[in-house]
Amino acid sequence: MGMRWMRRNKIKAAAATAVVTGALVMAFALATLMFGGSEATARADAPVDTPSVDVPEYVAPTAEPTAIDQPTGIPAAPGGAPTFAGAGANTLKGLDGKGGIVGIPKHRITLSLTSPGPIAYVGYIVPTSLDNSTGTVKDLGTSWSMTTIGYGPPDYAQMFSLAGPTGVPITCTITVDGRVTEKRTTTGPYDQLFCQG
């Protein structure tokens, strides 16, 4: 069947043969370039000259970091403590700081809840407070209040609570630097209370 096809399709057969022959010639030329011509046909038992490669010596990590020398003219870390090699190590002394809030305005924030009846719980978030950023308080009685310091621009706080089955109202108030920024009151049984200010 292959010979019959070739006799009927002489031009296609010649083209296919030319493509296969060209591919073989290209493969041979590429092999000659890659393996260096006559060296590719050298005897198998002939010595091969391989270039030397410097491989760094493996040093096992230690349990304690290793101190590195300070460059000349650069002061040591505060208190004369050495700097250590490793991830994030710095050999240069940075600016003295007091954390991420330096230069950001601070505000006195007061959160409060009041109700004529008992309050089951309150949840609060003051993301920029350093001492009271989040919390949940249960069995509050008829009132609850907390004051903290927050930083940066508004909004400074959120509060969450829920009225009981009798619908006794609960009022939340958020005060920033003595100014009320949010005040809301529940309006019925199981009414959700959300304040943000």
C-alpha atoms as a PDB file:
ATOM      1  CA  MET A   1       0.000   0.000   0.000  1.00  0.00           C
ATOM      2  CA  GLY A   2       2.914   2.392   0.767  1.00  0.00           C
ATOM      3  CA  MET A   3       4.568   1.869  -2.623  1.00  0.00           C
ATOM      4  CA  ARG A   4       1.260   2.329  -4.483  1.00  0.00           C
ATOM      5  CA  TRP A   5       0.693   5.629  -2.696  1.00  0.00           C
ATOM      6  CA  MET A   6       4.222   6.795  -3.545  1.00  0.00           C
ATOM      7  CA  ARG A   7       3.709   5.944  -7.266  1.00  0.00           C
ATOM      8  CA  ARG A   8       0.407   7.831  -7.401  1.00  0.00           C
ATOM      9  CA  ASN A   9       1.652  10.811  -5.354  1.00  0.00           C
ATOM     10  CA  LYS A  10       5.209  11.299  -6.606  1.00  0.00           C
ATOM     11  CA  ILE A  11       5.405  14.981  -5.696  1.00  0.00           C
ATOM     12  CA  LYS A  12       4.126  14.441  -2.140  1.00  0.00           C
ATOM     13  CA  ALA A  13       6.459  11.475  -1.651  1.00  0.00           C
ATOM     14  CA  ALA A  14       9.455  13.497  -2.874  1.00  0.00           C
ATOM     15  CA  ALA A  15       8.564  16.366  -0.548  1.00  0.00           C
ATOM     16  CA  ALA A  16       8.201  14.010   2.445  1.00  0.00           C
ATOM     17  CA  THR A  17      11.541  12.392   1.652  1.00  0.00           C
ATOM     18  CA  ALA A  18      13.197  15.808   1.389  1.00  0.00           C
ATOM     19  CA  VAL A  19      11.770  16.871   4.770  1.00  0.00           C
ATOM     20  CA  VAL A  20      12.966  13.696   6.505  1.00  0.00           C
ATOM     21  CA  THR A  21      16.413  13.952   4.871  1.00  0.00           C
ATOM     22  CA  GLY A  22      16.712  17.623   5.840  1.00  0.00           C
ATOM     23  CA  ALA A  23      15.772  16.833   9.445  1.00  0.00           C
ATOM     24  CA  LEU A  24      18.434  14.120   9.621  1.00  0.00           C
ATOM     25  CA  VAL A  25      21.082  16.454   8.164  1.00  0.00           C
ATOM     26  CA  MET A  26      20.134  19.165  10.689  1.00  0.00           C
ATOM     27  CA  ALA A  27      20.253  16.706  13.591  1.00  0.00           C
ATOM     28  CA  PHE A  28      23.709  15.479  12.494  1.00  0.00           C
ATOM     29  CA  ALA A  29      25.010  19.051  12.109  1.00  0.00           C
ATOM     30  CA  LEU A  30      23.671  20.006  15.543  1.00  0.00           C
ATOM     31  CA  ALA A  31      25.249  16.935  17.144  1.00  0.00           C
ATOM     32  CA  THR A  32      28.574  17.775  15.488  1.00  0.00           C
ATOM     33  CA  LEU A  33      28.448  21.332  16.837  1.00  0.00           C
ATOM     34  CA  MET A  34      27.463  20.231  20.337  1.00  0.00           C
ATOM     35  CA  PHE A  35      29.952  17.416  20.710  1.00  0.00           C
ATOM     36  CA  GLY A  36      32.887  18.891  18.842  1.00  0.00           C
ATOM     37  CA  GLY A  37      33.084  17.026  15.533  1.00  0.00           C
ATOM     38  CA  SER A  38      35.980  14.564  15.619  1.00  0.00           C
ATOM     39  CA  GLU A  39      35.895  14.353  19.417  1.00  0.00           C
ATOM     40  CA  ALA A  40      32.429  12.795  19.112  1.00  0.00           C
ATOM     41  CA  THR A  41      33.972   9.836  17.253  1.00  0.00           C
ATOM     42  CA  ALA A  42      36.932   9.447  19.628  1.00  0.00           C
ATOM     43  CA  ARG A  43      37.625   6.060  21.199  1.00  0.00           C
ATOM     44  CA  ALA A  44      35.553   5.227  24.231  1.00  0.00           C
ATOM     45  CA  ASP A  45      38.617   4.352  26.340  1.00  0.00           C
ATOM     46  CA  ALA A  46      40.447   7.626  25.602  1.00  0.00           C
ATOM     47  CA  PRO A  47      40.834   9.920  28.645  1.00  0.00           C
ATOM     48  CA  VAL A  48      38.411  12.818  28.725  1.00  0.00           C
ATOM     49  CA  ASP A  49      39.632  16.204  29.900  1.00  0.00           C
ATOM     50  CA  THR A  50      36.898  17.646  32.159  1.00  0.00           C
ATOM     51  CA  PRO A  51      37.132  21.201  33.427  1.00  0.00           C
ATOM     52  CA  SER A  52      37.449  21.669  37.197  1.00  0.00           C
ATOM     53  CA  VAL A  53      34.574  23.276  39.051  1.00  0.00           C
ATOM     54  CA  ASP A  54      34.966  24.913  42.451  1.00  0.00           C
ATOM     55  CA  VAL A  55      32.268  23.543  44.748  1.00  0.00           C
ATOM     56  CA  PRO A  56      31.841  25.506  47.970  1.00  0.00           C
ATOM     57  CA  GLU A  57      32.329  23.546  51.153  1.00  0.00           C
ATOM     58  CA  TYR A  58      29.087  22.739  53.013  1.00  0.00           C
ATOM     59  CA  VAL A  59      28.903  24.268  56.466  1.00  0.00           C
ATOM     60  CA  ALA A  60      26.198  22.841  58.724  1.00  0.00           C
ATOM     61  CA  PRO A  61      24.028  25.489  60.423  1.00  0.00           C
ATOM     62  CA  THR A  62      24.622  26.088  64.110  1.00  0.00           C
ATOM     63  CA  ALA A  63      22.016  26.420  66.824  1.00  0.00           C
ATOM     64  CA  GLU A  64      23.146  29.983  67.567  1.00  0.00           C
ATOM     65  CA  PRO A  65      23.565  32.745  64.951  1.00  0.00           C
ATOM     66  CA  THR A  66      27.098  33.863  64.201  1.00  0.00           C
ATOM     67  CA  ALA A  67      28.111  37.461  64.957  1.00  0.00           C
ATOM     68  CA  ILE A  68      29.448  39.427  61.989  1.00  0.00           C
ATOM     69  CA  ASP A  69      31.905  42.291  62.073  1.00  0.00           C
ATOM     70  CA  GLN A  70      30.690  45.872  61.894  1.00  0.00           C
ATOM     71  CA  PRO A  71      32.033  47.806  58.886  1.00  0.00           C
ATOM     72  CA  THR A  72      34.490  50.563  59.753  1.00  0.00           C
ATOM     73  CA  GLY A  73      32.873  53.862  60.768  1.00  0.00           C
ATOM     74  CA  ILE A  74      29.391  52.398  61.367  1.00  0.00           C
ATOM     75  CA  PRO A  75      28.213  52.329  64.999  1.00  0.00           C
ATOM     76  CA  ALA A  76      27.160  49.074  66.624  1.00  0.00           C
ATOM     77  CA  ALA A  77      23.542  48.317  67.364  1.00  0.00           C
ATOM     78  CA  PRO A  78      22.010  50.060  70.421  1.00  0.00           C
ATOM     79  CA  GLY A  79      23.564  48.927  73.697  1.00  0.00           C
ATOM     80  CA  GLY A  80      26.620  47.532  71.922  1.00  0.00           C
ATOM     81  CA  ALA A  81      24.707  44.378  70.990  1.00  0.00           C
ATOM     82  CA  PRO A  82      26.204  42.480  68.062  1.00  0.00           C
ATOM     83  CA  THR A  83      24.333  42.155  64.793  1.00  0.00           C
ATOM     84  CA  PHE A  84      23.743  38.657  63.493  1.00  0.00           C
ATOM     85  CA  ALA A  85      23.934  37.109  60.063  1.00  0.00           C
ATOM     86  CA  GLY A  86      20.774  35.546  58.774  1.00  0.00           C
ATOM     87  CA  ALA A  87      17.415  36.451  57.344  1.00  0.00           C
ATOM     88  CA  GLY A  88      16.648  40.123  57.850  1.00  0.00           C
ATOM     89  CA  ALA A  89      20.012  40.908  59.438  1.00  0.00           C
ATOM     90  CA  ASN A  90      21.175  44.515  59.195  1.00  0.00           C
ATOM     91  CA  THR A  91      24.661  45.729  59.817  1.00  0.00           C
ATOM     92  CA  LEU A  92      23.601  49.386  59.715  1.00  0.00           C
ATOM     93  CA  LYS A  93      21.922  51.121  62.631  1.00  0.00           C
ATOM     94  CA  GLY A  94      18.415  52.305  61.792  1.00  0.00           C
ATOM     95  CA  LEU A  95      16.473  55.243  63.167  1.00  0.00           C
ATOM     96  CA  ASP A  96      15.395  55.049  66.776  1.00  0.00           C
ATOM     97  CA  GLY A  97      11.646  54.558  66.980  1.00  0.00           C
ATOM     98  CA  LYS A  98       8.862  53.574  69.290  1.00  0.00           C
ATOM     99  CA  GLY A  99       6.892  51.301  66.944  1.00  0.00           C
ATOM    100  CA  GLY A 100       4.530  51.896  64.054  1.00  0.00           C
ATOM    101  CA  ILE A 101       2.539  54.689  65.753  1.00  0.00           C
ATOM    102  CA  VAL A 102       5.250  57.355  65.943  1.00  0.00           C
ATOM    103  CA  GLY A 103       3.921  60.584  64.468  1.00  0.00           C
ATOM    104  CA  ILE A 104       0.308  59.365  64.178  1.00  0.00           C
ATOM    105  CA  PRO A 105      -2.222  61.418  66.176  1.00  0.00           C
ATOM    106  CA  LYS A 106      -3.635  59.642  69.229  1.00  0.00           C
ATOM    107  CA  HIS A 107      -7.246  59.854  70.391  1.00  0.00           C
ATOM    108  CA  ARG A 108      -9.050  59.025  73.621  1.00  0.00           C
ATOM    109  CA  ILE A 109     -11.858  56.604  72.722  1.00  0.00           C
ATOM    110  CA  THR A 110     -14.683  55.679  75.096  1.00  0.00           C
ATOM    111  CA  LEU A 111     -17.173  52.898  74.348  1.00  0.00           C
ATOM    112  CA  SER A 112     -20.310  52.574  76.494  1.00  0.00           C
ATOM    113  CA  LEU A 113     -23.596  50.652  76.684  1.00  0.00           C
ATOM    114  CA  THR A 114     -26.608  51.476  78.836  1.00  0.00           C
ATOM    115  CA  SER A 115     -30.004  49.816  79.293  1.00  0.00           C
ATOM    116  CA  PRO A 116     -32.874  49.809  81.807  1.00  0.00           C
ATOM    117  CA  GLY A 117     -32.512  45.993  81.918  1.00  0.00           C
ATOM    118  CA  PRO A 118     -29.576  43.567  82.001  1.00  0.00           C
ATOM    119  CA  ILE A 119     -27.257  43.494  78.966  1.00  0.00           C
ATOM    120  CA  ALA A 120     -26.192  39.970  77.942  1.00  0.00           C
ATOM    121  CA  TYR A 121     -22.961  40.801  76.118  1.00  0.00           C
ATOM    122  CA  VAL A 122     -20.960  43.292  74.064  1.00  0.00           C
ATOM    123  CA  GLY A 123     -18.263  42.690  71.493  1.00  0.00           C
ATOM    124  CA  TYR A 124     -15.905  45.496  70.500  1.00  0.00           C
ATOM    125  CA  ILE A 125     -13.040  46.269  68.131  1.00  0.00           C
ATOM    126  CA  VAL A 126     -10.620  49.186  68.430  1.00  0.00           C
ATOM    127  CA  PRO A 127      -8.022  48.130  65.826  1.00  0.00           C
ATOM    128  CA  THR A 128      -5.400  50.770  66.641  1.00  0.00           C
ATOM    129  CA  SER A 129      -5.547  50.407  70.434  1.00  0.00           C
ATOM    130  CA  LEU A 130      -2.385  48.966  71.940  1.00  0.00           C
ATOM    131  CA  ASP A 131      -4.054  47.628  75.103  1.00  0.00           C
ATOM    132  CA  ASN A 132      -7.729  46.902  74.242  1.00  0.00           C
ATOM    133  CA  SER A 133      -7.977  46.160  70.521  1.00  0.00           C
ATOM    134  CA  THR A 134     -10.714  43.485  70.686  1.00  0.00           C
ATOM    135  CA  GLY A 135     -12.857  41.810  73.283  1.00  0.00           C
ATOM    136  CA  THR A 136     -16.161  40.321  74.368  1.00  0.00           C
ATOM    137  CA  VAL A 137     -17.735  41.019  77.753  1.00  0.00           C
ATOM    138  CA  LYS A 138     -20.701  39.035  79.141  1.00  0.00           C
ATOM    139  CA  ASP A 139     -23.279  39.707  81.877  1.00  0.00           C
ATOM    140  CA  LEU A 140     -22.750  43.465  81.968  1.00  0.00           C
ATOM    141  CA  GLY A 141     -25.582  44.460  84.251  1.00  0.00           C
ATOM    142  CA  THR A 142     -27.301  47.647  83.083  1.00  0.00           C
ATOM    143  CA  SER A 143     -24.221  49.568  81.923  1.00  0.00           C
ATOM    144  CA  TRP A 144     -20.700  49.085  80.659  1.00  0.00           C
ATOM    145  CA  SER A 145     -17.894  51.434  79.659  1.00  0.00           C
ATOM    146  CA  MET A 146     -14.291  51.163  78.448  1.00  0.00           C
ATOM    147  CA  THR A 147     -11.747  53.861  77.571  1.00  0.00           C
ATOM    148  CA  THR A 148      -8.586  53.335  75.509  1.00  0.00           C
ATOM    149  CA  ILE A 149      -6.214  55.224  73.211  1.00  0.00           C
ATOM    150  CA  GLY A 150      -6.474  54.756  69.428  1.00  0.00           C
ATOM    151  CA  TYR A 151      -4.305  56.169  66.652  1.00  0.00           C
ATOM    152  CA  GLY A 152      -4.694  57.553  63.155  1.00  0.00           C
ATOM    153  CA  PRO A 153      -7.800  58.640  61.237  1.00  0.00           C
ATOM    154  CA  PRO A 154     -11.430  57.585  61.921  1.00  0.00           C
ATOM    155  CA  ASP A 155     -13.289  55.256  62.191  1.00  0.00           C
ATOM    156  CA  TYR A 156     -11.784  54.195  65.513  1.00  0.00           C
ATOM    157  CA  ALA A 157     -14.113  51.586  67.006  1.00  0.00           C
ATOM    158  CA  GLN A 158     -17.031  49.207  66.510  1.00  0.00           C
ATOM    159  CA  MET A 159     -19.408  47.688  69.085  1.00  0.00           C
ATOM    160  CA  PHE A 160     -21.884  44.807  68.746  1.00  0.00           C
ATOM    161  CA  SER A 161     -24.733  43.730  71.018  1.00  0.00           C
ATOM    162  CA  LEU A 162     -28.231  42.249  70.886  1.00  0.00           C
ATOM    163  CA  ALA A 163     -31.463  43.119  72.673  1.00  0.00           C
ATOM    164  CA  GLY A 164     -33.198  40.359  74.623  1.00  0.00           C
ATOM    165  CA  PRO A 165     -36.593  38.715  73.989  1.00  0.00           C
ATOM    166  CA  THR A 166     -38.484  41.424  75.888  1.00  0.00           C
ATOM    167  CA  GLY A 167     -37.054  44.177  73.668  1.00  0.00           C
ATOM    168  CA  VAL A 168     -35.690  46.301  76.520  1.00  0.00           C
ATOM    169  CA  PRO A 169     -33.665  48.946  74.632  1.00  0.00           C
ATOM    170  CA  ILE A 170     -29.887  49.047  74.699  1.00  0.00           C
ATOM    171  CA  THR A 171     -28.013  52.250  73.751  1.00  0.00           C
ATOM    172  CA  CYS A 172     -24.418  52.291  72.523  1.00  0.00           C
ATOM    173  CA  THR A 173     -22.251  55.403  72.466  1.00  0.00           C
ATOM    174  CA  ILE A 174     -18.790  55.942  70.989  1.00  0.00           C
ATOM    175  CA  THR A 175     -16.937  59.070  72.090  1.00  0.00           C
ATOM    176  CA  VAL A 176     -13.670  60.259  70.509  1.00  0.00           C
ATOM    177  CA  ASP A 177     -11.747  63.007  72.330  1.00  0.00           C
ATOM    178  CA  GLY A 178     -14.894  64.007  74.251  1.00  0.00           C
ATOM    179  CA  ARG A 179     -17.093  64.224  71.113  1.00  0.00           C
ATOM    180  CA  VAL A 180     -19.861  61.676  70.450  1.00  0.00           C
ATOM    181  CA  THR A 181     -19.226  60.109  67.031  1.00  0.00           C
ATOM    182  CA  GLU A 182     -21.926  57.407  67.168  1.00  0.00           C
ATOM    183  CA  LYS A 183     -25.052  56.741  69.251  1.00  0.00           C
ATOM    184  CA  ARG A 184     -27.710  54.110  68.514  1.00  0.00           C
ATOM    185  CA  THR A 185     -30.532  52.340  70.377  1.00  0.00           C
ATOM    186  CA  THR A 186     -32.250  49.014  69.734  1.00  0.00           C
ATOM    187  CA  THR A 187     -35.961  49.164  68.866  1.00  0.00           C
ATOM    188  CA  GLY A 188     -37.437  45.729  69.667  1.00  0.00           C
ATOM    189  CA  PRO A 189     -36.959  42.113  70.701  1.00  0.00           C
ATOM    190  CA  TYR A 190     -33.696  40.560  69.482  1.00  0.00           C
ATOM    191  CA  ASP A 191     -32.788  43.780  67.660  1.00  0.00           C
ATOM    192  CA  GLN A 192     -29.121  43.802  66.676  1.00  0.00           C
ATOM    193  CA  LEU A 193     -27.021  46.729  67.787  1.00  0.00           C
ATOM    194  CA  PHE A 194     -24.027  47.893  65.727  1.00  0.00           C
ATOM    195  CA  CYS A 195     -22.141  51.126  66.380  1.00  0.00           C
ATOM    196  CA  GLN A 196     -19.137  52.451  64.481  1.00  0.00           C
ATOM    197  CA  GLY A 197     -17.411  55.748  65.062  1.00  0.00           C
END
